Protein backbone atom coordinates (compact mmCIF):
# COMPACT_ATOMS: atom_id res chain seq x y z
CA MET A 1 221.55 141.96 193.58
CA LEU A 2 222.46 141.25 190.76
CA VAL A 3 223.87 144.33 188.95
CA CYS A 4 226.33 143.90 185.59
CA HIS A 5 224.30 140.78 184.03
CA CYS A 6 227.42 141.33 182.10
CA ARG A 7 230.29 140.19 184.30
CA ALA A 8 227.86 138.47 186.75
CA VAL A 9 228.87 141.22 189.96
CA ASN A 10 225.76 141.88 192.18
CA ASP A 11 226.11 144.49 194.59
CA ARG A 12 227.33 143.17 197.46
CA ARG A 13 230.71 143.38 195.58
CA ILE A 14 229.73 146.84 193.71
CA LEU A 15 229.56 148.10 197.62
CA ASP A 16 233.28 146.24 198.84
CA GLU A 17 234.94 148.44 196.07
CA ILE A 18 233.20 151.14 197.20
CA ALA A 19 234.05 150.41 200.88
CA ARG A 20 237.80 149.96 199.57
CA GLY A 21 238.09 153.13 198.75
CA ALA A 22 236.13 152.73 194.25
CA ARG A 23 234.84 157.09 194.32
CA ASP A 24 233.44 156.81 190.68
CA GLU A 25 232.07 154.53 188.42
CA PHE A 26 235.57 154.35 186.58
CA ASP A 27 237.04 153.08 189.79
CA VAL A 28 234.58 150.32 190.47
CA ALA A 29 234.85 149.25 186.37
CA ALA A 30 239.20 149.38 187.35
CA ALA A 31 238.37 147.15 189.95
CA CYS A 32 235.43 144.46 189.91
CA GLY A 33 234.75 144.77 185.90
CA ALA A 34 230.55 146.47 186.26
CA GLY A 35 229.88 148.98 184.16
CA SER A 36 232.74 148.40 181.70
CA GLU A 37 231.30 146.61 178.95
CA CYS A 38 227.62 147.51 177.94
CA GLY A 39 226.86 149.95 180.86
CA GLY A 40 223.79 149.68 181.72
CA CYS A 41 224.30 149.35 184.74
CA VAL A 42 226.29 152.50 185.45
CA PRO A 43 223.06 154.48 186.69
CA ALA A 44 222.56 151.54 189.67
CA ILE A 45 226.46 151.60 190.23
CA THR A 46 226.19 155.11 190.54
CA ARG A 47 222.74 154.88 193.34
CA LEU A 48 225.11 153.26 195.49
CA LEU A 49 228.04 155.56 194.49
CA ALA A 50 225.15 158.19 195.87
CA ALA A 51 224.58 156.82 199.08
CA CYS A 52 227.41 155.76 200.01
CA ARG A 53 229.05 159.44 199.34
CA ASP A 54 230.38 160.02 202.59
CA CYS A 55 230.61 157.40 204.35
CA PRO A 56 232.89 154.20 201.89
CA ALA A 57 232.69 152.53 205.72
CA ALA A 58 229.59 152.18 205.66
CA ALA A 59 228.30 150.61 202.67
CA ALA A 60 228.01 147.80 203.90
CA SER A 61 224.84 148.38 205.03
CA VAL A 62 223.56 149.35 202.07
CA THR A 63 221.73 147.31 199.74
CA LEU A 64 220.76 147.75 195.97
CA ASP A 65 216.78 147.70 197.25
CA ALA A 66 217.49 150.37 199.43
CA VAL A 67 219.31 152.49 197.50
CA ALA A 68 216.51 152.10 194.47
CA THR A 69 213.02 153.06 197.33
CA HIS A 70 215.77 156.66 197.89
CA PRO A 71 216.01 159.05 194.23
């Protein structure tokens, strides 16, 4: 699912960056650009980060659709 329209970054790319060690929205922005333009996607990035906070290696099994259903 496309998360960052400004930079055309999807949830899989963001999850890949989390798995590689991105720990916050600034890390994600530095790695792939998501969240670095208008900021409209930052809440979605924050949800993905929260879902993967304790297990970055498991980020590959998370999707934004799944995160959206669990506040």
